[in-house]
Amino acid sequence: MSIEYNSQQSQLSDEQTDQISQRLADLELTVPNDRNAVSIISFVEWVLVELTHEPVAAEYVSPQIWGDKRTQFFAVDESGERFQKRYSDDQLGEHNTLLSRRRVRNALINRLSRETVGTKRGHEEAVEEPDTFCVRPLRELER
């Protein structure tokens, strides 16, 4: 199933996109992190508001030795009750799922609350890069 975001939202000027990017700079997080549960919930609620009201997507990236695993979330309706989850893995490809706001909220809270992430094993040594989370303009997803 493929759901596309509102095409008007993707037709912002470069200046508008830059302004949104600057505002969203605080919506970045590495995993694991030192935030408590209340802080993570507040952060996720802020993210969901931005996803609903701005032409942006939330992206969780987990680096692996064979490539990145990416999960992106973006609103597909103006009420902010339906979101598209786009998952891509350099080995397995890409798939899309339609989710409710509650399921996206729970998924983000669970991911951002992780106390550890898997160690990525290479041929010679372990690769220990944290997972990352950010919110960025939809236009940047097309690049």
C-alpha atoms as a PDB file:
ATOM      1  CA  MET A   1       0.000   0.000   0.000  1.00  0.00           C
ATOM      2  CA  SER A   2       1.409   3.353  -0.933  1.00  0.00           C
ATOM      3  CA  ILE A   3       0.063   6.550   0.571  1.00  0.00           C
ATOM      4  CA  GLU A   4       1.500   9.825  -0.645  1.00  0.00           C
ATOM      5  CA  TYR A   5       1.737  13.008   1.377  1.00  0.00           C
ATOM      6  CA  ASN A   6      -0.039  16.180   0.337  1.00  0.00           C
ATOM      7  CA  SER A   7       1.708  17.494  -2.790  1.00  0.00           C
ATOM      8  CA  GLN A   8       1.104  21.113  -1.736  1.00  0.00           C
ATOM      9  CA  GLN A   9       3.241  20.500   1.325  1.00  0.00           C
ATOM     10  CA  SER A  10       6.201  19.444  -0.801  1.00  0.00           C
ATOM     11  CA  GLN A  11       6.049  22.609  -2.938  1.00  0.00           C
ATOM     12  CA  LEU A  12       7.622  24.975  -0.418  1.00  0.00           C
ATOM     13  CA  SER A  13      10.280  27.450  -1.392  1.00  0.00           C
ATOM     14  CA  ASP A  14      13.882  26.821  -0.362  1.00  0.00           C
ATOM     15  CA  GLU A  15      13.577  29.698   2.132  1.00  0.00           C
ATOM     16  CA  GLN A  16      10.494  28.167   3.769  1.00  0.00           C
ATOM     17  CA  THR A  17      12.215  24.787   3.956  1.00  0.00           C
ATOM     18  CA  ASP A  18      15.292  26.370   5.558  1.00  0.00           C
ATOM     19  CA  GLN A  19      13.115  28.115   8.169  1.00  0.00           C
ATOM     20  CA  ILE A  20      11.431  24.830   9.041  1.00  0.00           C
ATOM     21  CA  SER A  21      14.808  23.068   9.263  1.00  0.00           C
ATOM     22  CA  GLN A  22      16.138  25.683  11.672  1.00  0.00           C
ATOM     23  CA  ARG A  23      13.047  25.382  13.887  1.00  0.00           C
ATOM     24  CA  LEU A  24      13.320  21.610  13.938  1.00  0.00           C
ATOM     25  CA  ALA A  25      16.983  21.485  14.942  1.00  0.00           C
ATOM     26  CA  ASP A  26      15.947  20.642  18.521  1.00  0.00           C
ATOM     27  CA  LEU A  27      13.988  17.622  17.347  1.00  0.00           C
ATOM     28  CA  GLU A  28      17.035  15.380  17.118  1.00  0.00           C
ATOM     29  CA  LEU A  29      18.019  12.602  19.461  1.00  0.00           C
ATOM     30  CA  THR A  30      20.476   9.731  19.622  1.00  0.00           C
ATOM     31  CA  VAL A  31      19.570   6.335  21.035  1.00  0.00           C
ATOM     32  CA  PRO A  32      20.435   5.389  23.667  1.00  0.00           C
ATOM     33  CA  ASN A  33      20.061   8.730  25.460  1.00  0.00           C
ATOM     34  CA  ASP A  34      19.795   9.973  29.023  1.00  0.00           C
ATOM     35  CA  ARG A  35      16.192  11.255  28.888  1.00  0.00           C
ATOM     36  CA  ASN A  36      13.663   9.994  31.407  1.00  0.00           C
ATOM     37  CA  ALA A  37      10.287   8.516  30.438  1.00  0.00           C
ATOM     38  CA  VAL A  38       8.345  11.769  30.897  1.00  0.00           C
ATOM     39  CA  SER A  39      10.836  13.665  28.752  1.00  0.00           C
ATOM     40  CA  ILE A  40      10.595  11.060  25.966  1.00  0.00           C
ATOM     41  CA  ILE A  41       6.783  11.224  26.009  1.00  0.00           C
ATOM     42  CA  SER A  42       6.851  15.037  25.828  1.00  0.00           C
ATOM     43  CA  PHE A  43       9.383  14.891  23.001  1.00  0.00           C
ATOM     44  CA  VAL A  44       7.228  12.431  21.028  1.00  0.00           C
ATOM     45  CA  GLU A  45       4.114  14.568  21.533  1.00  0.00           C
ATOM     46  CA  TRP A  46       6.037  17.583  20.176  1.00  0.00           C
ATOM     47  CA  VAL A  47       7.130  15.494  17.173  1.00  0.00           C
ATOM     48  CA  LEU A  48       3.543  14.400  16.465  1.00  0.00           C
ATOM     49  CA  VAL A  49       2.323  18.009  16.556  1.00  0.00           C
ATOM     50  CA  GLU A  50       5.038  19.025  14.079  1.00  0.00           C
ATOM     51  CA  LEU A  51       4.210  16.075  11.805  1.00  0.00           C
ATOM     52  CA  THR A  52       0.577  17.122  11.796  1.00  0.00           C
ATOM     53  CA  HIS A  53       1.065  20.841  11.212  1.00  0.00           C
ATOM     54  CA  GLU A  54       4.213  21.119   9.094  1.00  0.00           C
ATOM     55  CA  PRO A  55       5.387  19.384   5.906  1.00  0.00           C
ATOM     56  CA  VAL A  56       7.921  17.268   7.803  1.00  0.00           C
ATOM     57  CA  ALA A  57       8.728  13.637   8.520  1.00  0.00           C
ATOM     58  CA  ALA A  58      10.235  11.900  11.515  1.00  0.00           C
ATOM     59  CA  GLU A  59      13.127   9.602  10.643  1.00  0.00           C
ATOM     60  CA  TYR A  60      14.767   6.922  12.784  1.00  0.00           C
ATOM     61  CA  VAL A  61      18.052   5.569  11.385  1.00  0.00           C
ATOM     62  CA  SER A  62      19.835   2.478  12.634  1.00  0.00           C
ATOM     63  CA  PRO A  63      23.262   2.076  10.998  1.00  0.00           C
ATOM     64  CA  GLN A  64      24.270  -1.496  10.150  1.00  0.00           C
ATOM     65  CA  ILE A  65      27.453  -2.831   8.565  1.00  0.00           C
ATOM     66  CA  TRP A  66      25.541  -3.612   5.342  1.00  0.00           C
ATOM     67  CA  GLY A  67      23.744  -0.249   5.242  1.00  0.00           C
ATOM     68  CA  ASP A  68      21.190   1.759   7.130  1.00  0.00           C
ATOM     69  CA  LYS A  69      17.750   0.724   8.320  1.00  0.00           C
ATOM     70  CA  ARG A  70      15.425   3.749   8.032  1.00  0.00           C
ATOM     71  CA  THR A  71      11.952   4.218   9.394  1.00  0.00           C
ATOM     72  CA  GLN A  72      10.119   7.389   8.415  1.00  0.00           C
ATOM     73  CA  PHE A  73       6.764   8.628   9.658  1.00  0.00           C
ATOM     74  CA  PHE A  74       4.647  11.404   8.170  1.00  0.00           C
ATOM     75  CA  ALA A  75       1.034  12.536   8.435  1.00  0.00           C
ATOM     76  CA  VAL A  76      -1.258  11.675   5.554  1.00  0.00           C
ATOM     77  CA  ASP A  77      -4.310  13.640   6.676  1.00  0.00           C
ATOM     78  CA  GLU A  78      -4.890  17.097   8.098  1.00  0.00           C
ATOM     79  CA  SER A  79      -6.418  15.784  11.329  1.00  0.00           C
ATOM     80  CA  GLY A  80      -3.171  14.035  12.261  1.00  0.00           C
ATOM     81  CA  GLU A  81      -4.877  10.733  12.961  1.00  0.00           C
ATOM     82  CA  ARG A  82      -3.321   8.730  10.110  1.00  0.00           C
ATOM     83  CA  PHE A  83       0.366   8.406   9.375  1.00  0.00           C
ATOM     84  CA  GLN A  84       2.432   6.576   6.829  1.00  0.00           C
ATOM     85  CA  LYS A  85       5.327   4.487   8.071  1.00  0.00           C
ATOM     86  CA  ARG A  86       7.967   3.988   5.390  1.00  0.00           C
ATOM     87  CA  TYR A  87      10.564   1.363   6.288  1.00  0.00           C
ATOM     88  CA  SER A  88      13.639   0.773   4.175  1.00  0.00           C
ATOM     89  CA  ASP A  89      16.531  -1.584   4.619  1.00  0.00           C
ATOM     90  CA  ASP A  90      19.457  -1.712   2.208  1.00  0.00           C
ATOM     91  CA  GLN A  91      19.140  -5.513   2.119  1.00  0.00           C
ATOM     92  CA  LEU A  92      15.372  -6.024   2.291  1.00  0.00           C
ATOM     93  CA  GLY A  93      14.035  -3.075   0.319  1.00  0.00           C
ATOM     94  CA  GLU A  94      11.200  -0.725   1.229  1.00  0.00           C
ATOM     95  CA  HIS A  95       7.623  -1.084   2.400  1.00  0.00           C
ATOM     96  CA  ASN A  96       4.869   1.286   3.540  1.00  0.00           C
ATOM     97  CA  THR A  97       2.223   0.895   6.214  1.00  0.00           C
ATOM     98  CA  LEU A  98      -0.663   3.096   7.277  1.00  0.00           C
ATOM     99  CA  LEU A  99      -0.829   3.586  11.073  1.00  0.00           C
ATOM    100  CA  SER A 100      -2.965   5.391  13.612  1.00  0.00           C
ATOM    101  CA  ARG A 101      -1.563   8.263  15.663  1.00  0.00           C
ATOM    102  CA  ARG A 102      -1.597   6.041  18.774  1.00  0.00           C
ATOM    103  CA  ARG A 103       0.513   3.350  17.098  1.00  0.00           C
ATOM    104  CA  VAL A 104       3.049   5.900  15.832  1.00  0.00           C
ATOM    105  CA  ARG A 105       3.214   7.469  19.296  1.00  0.00           C
ATOM    106  CA  ASN A 106       3.841   4.078  20.935  1.00  0.00           C
ATOM    107  CA  ALA A 107       6.426   3.070  18.323  1.00  0.00           C
ATOM    108  CA  LEU A 108       8.395   6.304  18.773  1.00  0.00           C
ATOM    109  CA  ILE A 109       8.269   6.147  22.568  1.00  0.00           C
ATOM    110  CA  ASN A 110       9.512   2.541  22.499  1.00  0.00           C
ATOM    111  CA  ARG A 111      12.362   3.275  20.079  1.00  0.00           C
ATOM    112  CA  LEU A 112      13.527   6.490  21.724  1.00  0.00           C
ATOM    113  CA  SER A 113      13.403   4.914  25.200  1.00  0.00           C
ATOM    114  CA  ARG A 114      15.826   2.109  24.366  1.00  0.00           C
ATOM    115  CA  GLU A 115      18.678   1.860  26.812  1.00  0.00           C
ATOM    116  CA  THR A 116      20.872  -0.014  24.367  1.00  0.00           C
ATOM    117  CA  VAL A 117      21.044  -0.621  20.647  1.00  0.00           C
ATOM    118  CA  GLY A 118      22.527  -3.637  18.973  1.00  0.00           C
ATOM    119  CA  THR A 119      26.236  -3.682  18.282  1.00  0.00           C
ATOM    120  CA  LYS A 120      26.907  -3.846  14.577  1.00  0.00           C
ATOM    121  CA  ARG A 121      29.492  -6.526  13.868  1.00  0.00           C
ATOM    122  CA  GLY A 122      31.931  -6.104  11.007  1.00  0.00           C
ATOM    123  CA  HIS A 123      34.595  -8.431   9.664  1.00  0.00           C
ATOM    124  CA  GLU A 124      37.339  -7.038  11.869  1.00  0.00           C
ATOM    125  CA  GLU A 125      35.632  -5.227  14.748  1.00  0.00           C
ATOM    126  CA  ALA A 126      32.361  -4.066  16.192  1.00  0.00           C
ATOM    127  CA  VAL A 127      30.839  -0.853  14.899  1.00  0.00           C
ATOM    128  CA  GLU A 128      29.261   1.062  17.773  1.00  0.00           C
ATOM    129  CA  GLU A 129      27.325   3.952  16.276  1.00  0.00           C
ATOM    130  CA  PRO A 130      24.196   5.156  18.033  1.00  0.00           C
ATOM    131  CA  ASP A 131      20.847   5.109  16.312  1.00  0.00           C
ATOM    132  CA  THR A 132      19.619   8.580  15.410  1.00  0.00           C
ATOM    133  CA  PHE A 133      16.253  10.264  15.254  1.00  0.00           C
ATOM    134  CA  CYS A 134      15.377  13.580  13.630  1.00  0.00           C
ATOM    135  CA  VAL A 135      12.520  15.520  12.112  1.00  0.00           C
ATOM    136  CA  ARG A 136      13.169  17.060   8.718  1.00  0.00           C
ATOM    137  CA  PRO A 137      11.278  18.626   5.816  1.00  0.00           C
ATOM    138  CA  LEU A 138       9.518  16.228   3.439  1.00  0.00           C
ATOM    139  CA  ARG A 139      11.429  17.777   0.561  1.00  0.00           C
ATOM    140  CA  GLU A 140      14.654  16.304   2.001  1.00  0.00           C
ATOM    141  CA  LEU A 141      13.207  12.791   1.847  1.00  0.00           C
ATOM    142  CA  GLU A 142      13.183  12.959  -1.922  1.00  0.00           C
ATOM    143  CA  ARG A 143      16.941  13.541  -2.092  1.00  0.00           C
END
